[in-house]
Amino acid sequence: MENKKKVAKPEGKLAVLIPGLGAVSTTLMAGVELARQGKGAPIGSLTQMGTARLGKRTDGRTVKLNELVPLATLDDVVFGAWDIISEDAYQVAVRSGVLTDKHLEQVKPFLQGIKPKPGVHDPEFVRRIAANHVKATKTHRESIEALRQDIRDFKKELNAKRAVMVVCSSVETFRPLPEAFQTLANFEKALDANSPDINPTALYTYAAIKEGVPFANATPNASVDTPALQELAKQEAVPVAGRDLKSGQTMMKTVIAPALKARMLGLEGWFSTNILGNRDGEVLDDPQAFKAKEVTKSSVLDTILQPDLYPELYNKYSHKVSIHYYPPRGDAKEGWDNIDITGWLGYPMQIKVNFLCRDSILAAPLVLDIALFMDLAKRLEWRGIQEWMSFYFKSPMAHPGLPVEHDLFIQLTKLKNTLRVVAGEEPITHLGMDYYGDDLPLSR
């Protein structure tokens, strides 16, 4: 192809700024430091362990993704955070109970050095946490200006040349999208009026975009999935992505559902339930917070199965999603799926999935990848929706008018082909007919 895209080199430190110093973010921070010390492997991270084939299968060319395109290295990464609780990263990591004492002791000084700046808080959006570390700002505009100053201060304090923001904060209560988020003009007016419709995550989003900082939303909270903030991102030439990490049960759905459709097997019902005991589980015990998660967890099946195209197979299936707060389980989340399917002549069958996973262990490498890829997008001078990063999200964004792609394998192909094109390599279609010559002639 020989059409390599111009991309600035990742020189200097990259500040990964995270609203929400919780189990996921501290697991990420500890894991990056352990990997830098050679005491842990970054398993689950495409940017650190993934590869891409280049050219034909017969060429024997496979490279690591971080060699294919110029990504920031783990040594380049520094961390900053905001939170509405005053604990440092070590205290949070100990309380969260994700990592062993052995691992935490090896990175204790590093984690103790990460102290959050006061967060923006609205108790109407996060009702299950007693905040003690909140900005003293009185209006939305004051909060935004304070966050923008924090971003500048973080870059100076961390000696970083560039920054990205990935939101990992608690799930906010669900509200139907208000008029304030429909256009940027409406949003600006709502900011001036200090509208109660504007959630804290949206304020972080606005501040990051205004500072030219790439922004990704790892939560179900209203943010860059809204027309107003997408408009702002394009206006300010900032790449954005989201929302809600696709880490556990939903990842399995985006694997199994494509398999059912590929084999034209019918679906009668899909029952999903989770038990979770960490702070995320506690927050989701609020029905209005759970509603926000339910929306992102429930959206994947229709777009994969396309019931409008296959009404006989998928037009009447029942889909139930539930999450239960169960404190003894901590971060060791358990997901159960019962899938009722039909086969030849309508005969019923079932699939049972019991996924005993670790919520933050699955999520941490995704946040790392998202941060490094968002930094790449910024250096490529890309702006607005980064659909090629849909691989990481339960509810990814697409250009208005385009159907959203949820199939995990199509998403991965899109991601890797995007990186191939950036590197000046040909996309791979897997057609493969050119290997067979006269056996499979196309010229007749």
Protein backbone atom coordinates (compact mmCIF):
# COMPACT_ATOMS: atom_id res chain seq x y z
CA MET A 1 0.00 0.00 0.00
CA GLU A 2 2.91 2.32 0.86
CA ASN A 3 0.67 5.14 2.05
CA LYS A 4 1.72 5.52 5.64
CA LYS A 5 -0.25 8.12 7.55
CA LYS A 6 1.62 11.05 9.03
CA VAL A 7 1.65 10.74 12.81
CA ALA A 8 3.60 12.71 15.40
CA LYS A 9 5.95 10.61 17.52
CA PRO A 10 4.90 9.88 21.12
CA GLU A 11 7.62 12.02 22.69
CA GLY A 12 7.65 12.65 26.42
CA LYS A 13 5.31 11.52 29.16
CA LEU A 14 1.61 10.75 28.59
CA ALA A 15 -0.68 11.68 31.47
CA VAL A 16 -3.60 9.28 31.81
CA LEU A 17 -6.16 11.31 33.74
CA ILE A 18 -8.97 9.35 35.37
CA PRO A 19 -12.11 10.68 37.01
CA GLY A 20 -12.86 7.93 39.53
CA LEU A 21 -10.03 6.51 41.66
CA GLY A 22 -11.61 3.15 42.32
CA ALA A 23 -10.98 -0.56 41.88
CA VAL A 24 -10.53 -0.43 38.10
CA SER A 25 -8.20 2.57 38.01
CA THR A 26 -5.99 1.43 40.90
CA THR A 27 -5.75 -2.06 39.41
CA LEU A 28 -4.61 -0.42 36.18
CA MET A 29 -2.06 1.79 37.95
CA ALA A 30 -0.62 -1.06 40.01
CA GLY A 31 -0.51 -3.36 36.99
CA VAL A 32 1.35 -0.86 34.82
CA GLU A 33 3.94 -0.31 37.55
CA LEU A 34 4.34 -4.05 38.16
CA ALA A 35 4.81 -4.61 34.43
CA ARG A 36 7.42 -1.85 34.32
CA GLN A 37 9.26 -3.60 37.15
CA GLY A 38 9.08 -6.94 35.36
CA LYS A 39 6.89 -8.38 38.12
CA GLY A 40 3.70 -8.92 36.15
CA ALA A 41 2.50 -9.46 32.60
CA PRO A 42 -0.01 -7.07 30.94
CA ILE A 43 -2.35 -9.91 30.01
CA GLY A 44 -5.56 -8.75 28.37
CA SER A 45 -3.97 -5.74 26.67
CA LEU A 46 -3.92 -5.65 22.88
CA THR A 47 -1.46 -2.76 22.85
CA GLN A 48 1.04 -4.77 24.89
CA MET A 49 0.48 -8.35 23.71
CA GLY A 50 -1.57 -8.21 20.50
CA THR A 51 -0.24 -8.83 16.99
CA ALA A 52 -1.36 -8.20 13.41
CA ARG A 53 -0.61 -10.17 10.29
CA LEU A 54 0.65 -8.07 7.41
CA GLY A 55 0.25 -9.02 3.76
CA LYS A 56 -0.52 -12.54 2.55
CA ARG A 57 -0.49 -15.61 4.76
CA THR A 58 2.43 -16.89 2.71
CA ASP A 59 4.51 -13.77 3.53
CA GLY A 60 4.99 -14.82 7.14
CA ARG A 61 4.80 -11.20 8.37
CA THR A 62 3.29 -10.76 11.82
CA VAL A 63 4.18 -7.86 14.09
CA LYS A 64 3.13 -6.64 17.50
CA LEU A 65 0.59 -3.85 17.41
CA ASN A 66 2.89 -1.55 19.35
CA GLU A 67 5.50 -2.06 16.62
CA LEU A 68 3.02 -1.52 13.80
CA VAL A 69 2.05 1.98 14.94
CA PRO A 70 3.88 4.44 17.24
CA LEU A 71 2.20 4.01 20.62
CA ALA A 72 3.34 5.48 23.91
CA THR A 73 5.19 2.88 25.96
CA LEU A 74 4.42 1.85 29.54
CA ASP A 75 7.48 3.83 30.63
CA ASP A 76 5.86 6.95 29.15
CA VAL A 77 2.65 6.60 31.17
CA VAL A 78 1.96 8.68 34.29
CA PHE A 79 -1.31 8.89 36.20
CA GLY A 80 -3.57 11.55 37.67
CA ALA A 81 -7.04 11.16 39.12
CA TRP A 82 -10.05 12.87 40.64
CA ASP A 83 -12.34 11.36 43.24
CA ILE A 84 -15.04 12.35 45.70
CA ILE A 85 -13.31 10.24 48.38
CA SER A 86 -9.95 11.49 49.72
CA GLU A 87 -8.07 8.16 49.83
CA ASP A 88 -4.85 7.78 47.87
CA ALA A 89 -4.46 5.02 45.28
CA TYR A 90 -2.86 2.60 47.75
CA GLN A 91 -5.69 3.00 50.27
CA VAL A 92 -8.26 2.48 47.53
CA ALA A 93 -6.46 -0.58 46.20
CA VAL A 94 -6.29 -2.15 49.67
CA ARG A 95 -9.97 -1.45 50.33
CA SER A 96 -10.98 -2.76 46.91
CA GLY A 97 -9.34 -6.13 47.55
CA VAL A 98 -8.56 -6.87 43.91
CA LEU A 99 -4.81 -7.45 44.14
CA THR A 100 -2.89 -9.53 46.68
CA ASP A 101 -0.93 -7.97 49.52
CA LYS A 102 2.25 -9.23 47.83
CA HIS A 103 1.51 -7.27 44.67
CA LEU A 104 0.38 -4.16 46.52
CA GLU A 105 3.46 -4.04 48.76
CA GLN A 106 5.68 -4.07 45.67
CA VAL A 107 4.06 -0.88 44.38
CA LYS A 108 3.01 0.74 47.66
CA PRO A 109 5.14 3.92 47.39
CA PHE A 110 4.06 4.38 43.78
CA LEU A 111 0.37 4.10 44.63
CA GLN A 112 0.69 6.28 47.72
CA GLY A 113 2.04 9.02 45.47
CA ILE A 114 -1.19 9.12 43.46
CA LYS A 115 -3.53 11.36 45.39
CA PRO A 116 -6.79 12.42 43.78
CA LYS A 117 -7.82 15.99 43.26
CA PRO A 118 -11.29 16.81 44.60
CA GLY A 119 -14.03 15.57 42.30
CA VAL A 120 -17.16 17.16 40.92
CA HIS A 121 -20.15 15.70 42.72
CA ASP A 122 -23.93 15.86 42.49
CA PRO A 123 -25.64 13.61 45.06
CA GLU A 124 -28.67 13.35 42.77
CA PHE A 125 -26.54 11.40 40.29
CA VAL A 126 -24.49 9.26 42.74
CA ARG A 127 -26.63 8.50 45.77
CA ARG A 128 -24.86 5.58 47.48
CA ILE A 129 -21.46 7.16 48.22
CA ALA A 130 -20.79 9.54 51.12
CA ALA A 131 -18.50 12.08 49.47
CA ASN A 132 -15.79 13.83 51.50
CA HIS A 133 -13.50 15.25 48.78
CA VAL A 134 -15.60 17.52 46.59
CA LYS A 135 -14.81 20.73 44.76
CA ALA A 136 -16.17 23.82 46.43
CA THR A 137 -17.46 25.20 43.13
CA LYS A 138 -21.02 26.49 43.03
CA THR A 139 -21.89 26.42 39.33
CA HIS A 140 -21.27 24.22 36.30
CA ARG A 141 -19.05 26.88 34.74
CA GLU A 142 -16.96 27.12 37.90
CA SER A 143 -16.60 23.33 38.00
CA ILE A 144 -15.47 23.24 34.37
CA GLU A 145 -12.89 25.97 34.92
CA ALA A 146 -11.60 24.15 38.00
CA LEU A 147 -11.29 20.89 36.03
CA ARG A 148 -9.51 22.64 33.17
CA GLN A 149 -7.03 24.10 35.64
CA ASP A 150 -6.58 20.64 37.16
CA ILE A 151 -5.69 19.26 33.72
CA ARG A 152 -3.04 21.95 33.25
CA ASP A 153 -1.72 21.35 36.77
CA PHE A 154 -1.58 17.58 36.26
CA LYS A 155 0.52 18.01 33.12
CA LYS A 156 2.97 20.25 34.98
CA GLU A 157 3.09 18.10 38.10
CA LEU A 158 3.57 14.90 36.10
CA ASN A 159 5.96 16.52 33.60
CA ALA A 160 3.70 15.29 30.78
CA LYS A 161 3.64 16.65 27.26
CA ARG A 162 0.29 15.07 26.41
CA ALA A 163 -2.79 13.87 28.25
CA VAL A 164 -5.83 11.67 27.72
CA MET A 165 -8.88 11.30 29.95
CA VAL A 166 -10.69 8.01 30.58
CA VAL A 167 -13.69 8.17 32.93
CA CYS A 168 -13.86 5.26 35.40
CA SER A 169 -16.16 6.86 37.97
CA SER A 170 -19.28 5.39 39.59
CA VAL A 171 -22.40 4.79 37.53
CA GLU A 172 -24.73 7.77 37.63
CA THR A 173 -28.49 7.54 37.85
CA PHE A 174 -30.23 7.09 34.52
CA ARG A 175 -32.26 9.86 32.96
CA PRO A 176 -33.73 10.03 29.46
CA LEU A 177 -31.56 12.30 27.34
CA PRO A 178 -32.72 15.87 28.09
CA GLU A 179 -33.04 18.62 25.52
CA ALA A 180 -29.87 20.21 26.88
CA PHE A 181 -27.78 17.44 25.27
CA GLN A 182 -29.34 17.63 21.80
CA THR A 183 -27.22 20.52 20.50
CA LEU A 184 -24.11 22.31 21.64
CA ALA A 185 -26.01 25.58 21.79
CA ASN A 186 -28.57 24.03 24.14
CA PHE A 187 -25.79 22.56 26.26
CA GLU A 188 -24.03 25.91 26.60
CA LYS A 189 -27.30 27.52 27.72
CA ALA A 190 -27.87 24.72 30.24
CA LEU A 191 -24.35 25.28 31.63
CA ASP A 192 -25.05 28.99 32.05
CA ALA A 193 -28.36 28.19 33.78
CA ASN A 194 -26.66 25.62 36.06
CA SER A 195 -29.22 23.07 34.86
CA PRO A 196 -29.78 20.04 37.14
CA ASP A 197 -29.98 17.92 33.96
CA ILE A 198 -26.22 18.09 33.46
CA ASN A 199 -24.38 15.23 35.15
CA PRO A 200 -20.83 15.39 36.58
CA THR A 201 -19.39 13.14 33.84
CA ALA A 202 -20.56 15.62 31.20
CA LEU A 203 -18.65 18.38 32.98
CA TYR A 204 -15.43 16.34 32.89
CA THR A 205 -16.10 15.69 29.21
CA TYR A 206 -16.58 19.35 28.38
CA ALA A 207 -13.46 20.34 30.32
CA ALA A 208 -11.28 17.72 28.63
CA ILE A 209 -12.46 18.59 25.13
CA LYS A 210 -11.95 22.30 25.75
CA GLU A 211 -8.39 21.53 26.86
CA GLY A 212 -7.80 19.51 23.67
CA VAL A 213 -7.51 16.27 25.65
CA PRO A 214 -8.78 13.04 24.01
CA PHE A 215 -11.71 11.70 25.99
CA ALA A 216 -13.10 8.20 26.46
CA ASN A 217 -16.02 7.12 28.61
CA ALA A 218 -15.61 3.73 30.31
CA THR A 219 -18.94 4.11 32.18
CA PRO A 220 -22.63 4.11 31.17
CA ASN A 221 -22.91 7.79 32.13
CA ALA A 222 -24.17 10.37 29.63
CA SER A 223 -21.15 11.91 27.95
CA VAL A 224 -19.71 11.88 24.42
CA ASP A 225 -22.53 9.65 23.20
CA THR A 226 -24.67 12.83 23.14
CA PRO A 227 -25.05 15.09 20.07
CA ALA A 228 -23.99 18.21 21.99
CA LEU A 229 -20.64 16.87 23.16
CA GLN A 230 -19.93 15.14 19.85
CA GLU A 231 -20.46 18.51 18.19
CA LEU A 232 -18.00 20.07 20.64
CA ALA A 233 -15.41 17.33 19.98
CA LYS A 234 -15.53 17.96 16.23
CA GLN A 235 -15.38 21.71 16.76
CA GLU A 236 -12.32 21.42 18.99
CA ALA A 237 -10.70 18.66 16.85
CA VAL A 238 -10.58 16.16 19.73
CA PRO A 239 -11.03 12.37 19.38
CA VAL A 240 -13.70 10.79 21.60
CA ALA A 241 -14.88 7.24 22.29
CA GLY A 242 -17.27 5.33 24.56
CA ARG A 243 -19.37 4.19 26.31
CA ASP A 244 -19.18 1.55 29.08
CA LEU A 245 -16.41 -1.04 29.01
CA LYS A 246 -17.22 -4.38 27.38
CA SER A 247 -15.34 -6.51 29.87
CA GLY A 248 -17.27 -9.56 31.12
CA GLN A 249 -20.78 -10.78 30.50
CA THR A 250 -21.42 -8.45 27.57
CA MET A 251 -18.16 -9.55 25.97
CA MET A 252 -19.50 -13.10 26.08
CA LYS A 253 -22.74 -11.96 24.45
CA THR A 254 -20.84 -10.36 21.60
CA VAL A 255 -19.05 -13.67 21.07
CA ILE A 256 -21.99 -16.08 21.39
CA ALA A 257 -24.65 -14.06 19.56
CA PRO A 258 -22.58 -13.80 16.34
CA ALA A 259 -22.08 -17.58 16.47
CA LEU A 260 -25.83 -18.17 16.71
CA LYS A 261 -26.51 -15.88 13.76
CA ALA A 262 -23.65 -17.33 11.73
CA ARG A 263 -25.24 -20.78 12.02
CA MET A 264 -28.82 -19.42 11.65
CA LEU A 265 -29.87 -20.81 15.02
CA GLY A 266 -32.97 -19.24 16.54
CA LEU A 267 -33.18 -17.45 19.89
CA GLU A 268 -36.14 -17.75 22.23
CA GLY A 269 -34.68 -16.02 25.27
CA TRP A 270 -31.53 -14.82 26.98
CA PHE A 271 -31.48 -14.46 30.76
CA SER A 272 -28.43 -12.73 32.27
CA THR A 273 -27.75 -12.08 35.92
CA ASN A 274 -24.70 -10.93 37.88
CA ILE A 275 -23.60 -10.84 41.48
CA LEU A 276 -21.00 -8.23 42.38
CA GLY A 277 -19.73 -6.97 45.72
CA ASN A 278 -17.41 -4.05 45.04
CA ARG A 279 -18.29 -0.35 45.13
CA ASP A 280 -19.64 -0.60 41.59
CA GLY A 281 -22.07 -3.24 42.85
CA GLU A 282 -23.08 -1.01 45.76
CA VAL A 283 -23.77 1.93 43.47
CA LEU A 284 -25.70 -0.28 41.05
CA ASP A 285 -27.92 -1.37 43.93
CA ASP A 286 -29.66 1.95 43.33
CA PRO A 287 -32.37 1.07 40.74
CA GLN A 288 -31.83 4.31 38.82
CA ALA A 289 -28.10 3.66 38.55
CA PHE A 290 -28.79 0.08 37.44
CA LYS A 291 -31.08 1.43 34.72
CA ALA A 292 -28.11 3.20 33.13
CA LYS A 293 -26.12 -0.05 33.11
CA GLU A 294 -29.10 -2.05 31.87
CA VAL A 295 -29.40 0.21 28.82
CA THR A 296 -25.80 -0.47 27.71
CA LYS A 297 -25.88 -4.19 28.61
CA SER A 298 -29.16 -4.80 26.78
CA SER A 299 -28.40 -2.99 23.54
CA VAL A 300 -26.08 -5.51 21.90
CA LEU A 301 -28.36 -8.38 20.85
CA ASP A 302 -30.68 -6.61 18.44
CA THR A 303 -27.86 -5.04 16.48
CA ILE A 304 -26.00 -8.34 16.17
CA LEU A 305 -29.00 -10.60 15.47
CA GLN A 306 -30.85 -8.14 13.17
CA PRO A 307 -34.42 -9.32 13.87
CA ASP A 308 -35.70 -7.12 11.03
CA LEU A 309 -33.75 -9.28 8.56
CA TYR A 310 -34.40 -12.60 10.33
CA PRO A 311 -37.85 -12.28 11.92
CA GLU A 312 -38.43 -16.04 12.06
CA LEU A 313 -35.30 -16.49 14.17
CA TYR A 314 -35.04 -13.38 16.32
CA ASN A 315 -38.21 -11.32 16.29
CA LYS A 316 -39.74 -12.49 19.59
CA TYR A 317 -36.92 -13.39 21.93
CA SER A 318 -37.07 -12.43 25.60
CA HIS A 319 -34.03 -10.62 27.04
CA LYS A 320 -33.62 -10.14 30.80
CA VAL A 321 -30.64 -8.50 32.53
CA SER A 322 -30.14 -8.13 36.28
CA ILE A 323 -27.34 -7.20 38.69
CA HIS A 324 -27.37 -8.02 42.40
CA TYR A 325 -25.17 -6.42 45.03
CA TYR A 326 -23.66 -9.20 47.12
CA PRO A 327 -20.89 -7.84 49.42
CA PRO A 328 -19.08 -11.15 50.17
CA ARG A 329 -18.14 -11.52 46.50
CA GLY A 330 -16.12 -8.28 46.36
CA ASP A 331 -14.54 -7.70 42.95
CA ALA A 332 -14.90 -11.38 42.00
CA LYS A 333 -18.00 -10.91 39.86
CA GLU A 334 -20.03 -13.90 38.73
CA GLY A 335 -22.23 -13.86 35.66
CA TRP A 336 -24.84 -16.47 34.73
CA ASP A 337 -26.42 -16.72 31.31
CA ASN A 338 -29.21 -19.04 30.28
CA ILE A 339 -29.74 -18.99 26.52
CA ASP A 340 -32.75 -20.75 25.00
CA ILE A 341 -32.14 -21.47 21.33
CA THR A 342 -33.87 -23.40 18.56
CA GLY A 343 -32.44 -25.57 15.83
CA TRP A 344 -33.58 -27.70 12.90
CA LEU A 345 -37.39 -27.97 12.70
CA GLY A 346 -37.68 -25.71 15.77
CA TYR A 347 -36.32 -28.18 18.31
CA PRO A 348 -35.28 -26.43 21.57
CA MET A 349 -31.75 -26.41 23.00
CA GLN A 350 -29.99 -24.47 25.73
CA ILE A 351 -26.61 -22.89 26.40
CA LYS A 352 -25.51 -22.25 29.98
CA VAL A 353 -22.61 -19.90 30.78
CA ASN A 354 -21.17 -19.39 34.26
CA PHE A 355 -18.44 -16.76 34.06
CA LEU A 356 -16.53 -16.47 37.34
CA CYS A 357 -14.45 -13.46 36.54
CA ARG A 358 -12.71 -10.54 38.23
CA ASP A 359 -14.26 -7.26 37.26
CA SER A 360 -11.26 -4.97 37.56
CA ILE A 361 -8.77 -7.55 36.24
CA LEU A 362 -10.78 -7.64 33.01
CA ALA A 363 -11.32 -3.88 32.85
CA ALA A 364 -7.84 -2.53 33.68
CA PRO A 365 -6.11 -3.60 30.42
CA LEU A 366 -8.99 -2.16 28.41
CA VAL A 367 -8.48 1.25 30.03
CA LEU A 368 -4.77 1.07 29.20
CA ASP A 369 -5.46 0.24 25.54
CA ILE A 370 -8.09 2.95 25.25
CA ALA A 371 -5.70 5.56 26.65
CA LEU A 372 -2.86 4.59 24.31
CA PHE A 373 -5.08 4.39 21.23
CA MET A 374 -6.77 7.72 22.03
CA ASP A 375 -3.34 9.31 22.27
CA LEU A 376 -2.49 7.83 18.85
CA ALA A 377 -5.71 9.26 17.40
CA LYS A 378 -4.82 12.72 18.71
CA ARG A 379 -1.34 12.53 17.20
CA LEU A 380 -2.96 11.51 13.90
CA GLU A 381 -5.06 14.69 14.20
CA TRP A 382 -8.27 12.66 14.12
CA ARG A 383 -11.35 14.14 15.72
CA GLY A 384 -14.83 13.20 16.85
CA ILE A 385 -16.12 9.62 17.06
CA GLN A 386 -13.43 6.92 16.93
CA GLU A 387 -15.61 4.06 15.72
CA TRP A 388 -12.58 1.85 15.17
CA MET A 389 -12.35 1.57 18.97
CA SER A 390 -15.84 0.03 19.32
CA PHE A 391 -14.10 -3.22 20.32
CA TYR A 392 -13.80 -1.89 23.87
CA PHE A 393 -17.32 -0.68 24.59
CA LYS A 394 -20.74 -2.11 25.42
CA SER A 395 -22.46 0.81 23.74
CA PRO A 396 -20.07 2.14 21.10
CA MET A 397 -20.75 5.16 18.96
CA ALA A 398 -21.08 5.40 15.21
CA HIS A 399 -21.55 8.30 12.82
CA PRO A 400 -25.19 9.47 12.80
CA GLY A 401 -27.17 7.32 10.36
CA LEU A 402 -24.82 4.34 10.59
CA PRO A 403 -25.88 1.17 12.44
CA VAL A 404 -23.63 0.38 15.40
CA GLU A 405 -21.51 -2.76 15.06
CA HIS A 406 -21.44 -4.96 18.19
CA ASP A 407 -19.94 -8.21 16.84
CA LEU A 408 -16.64 -8.54 18.73
CA PHE A 409 -14.82 -10.16 15.81
CA ILE A 410 -15.94 -7.57 13.26
CA GLN A 411 -14.88 -4.88 15.74
CA LEU A 412 -11.43 -6.46 16.15
CA THR A 413 -11.00 -6.71 12.37
CA LYS A 414 -11.94 -3.05 12.04
CA LEU A 415 -9.48 -2.04 14.77
CA LYS A 416 -6.57 -3.97 13.29
CA ASN A 417 -7.33 -2.86 9.73
CA THR A 418 -7.37 0.74 10.92
CA LEU A 419 -3.89 0.27 12.39
CA ARG A 420 -2.71 -1.43 9.22
CA VAL A 421 -3.86 1.52 7.12
CA VAL A 422 -2.18 3.97 9.53
CA ALA A 423 1.05 2.01 9.03
CA GLY A 424 0.69 2.06 5.23
CA GLU A 425 -0.23 -1.63 5.00
CA GLU A 426 -3.12 -3.20 3.12
CA PRO A 427 -6.27 -4.09 5.06
CA ILE A 428 -6.86 -7.83 5.31
CA THR A 429 -10.18 -9.15 3.99
CA HIS A 430 -9.50 -12.89 4.49
CA LEU A 431 -10.89 -13.57 0.99
CA GLY A 432 -7.92 -15.75 0.08
CA MET A 433 -9.08 -16.76 -3.41
CA ASP A 434 -5.84 -15.57 -5.01
CA TYR A 435 -4.01 -18.50 -3.41
CA TYR A 436 -5.95 -21.02 -5.54
CA GLY A 437 -5.41 -19.71 -9.08
CA ASP A 438 -7.22 -21.77 -11.72
CA ASP A 439 -8.99 -23.87 -9.08
CA LEU A 440 -11.18 -20.88 -8.17
CA PRO A 441 -11.15 -18.68 -11.28
CA LEU A 442 -12.83 -15.29 -10.98
CA SER A 443 -12.19 -14.20 -14.56
CA ARG A 444 -14.85 -16.37 -16.26
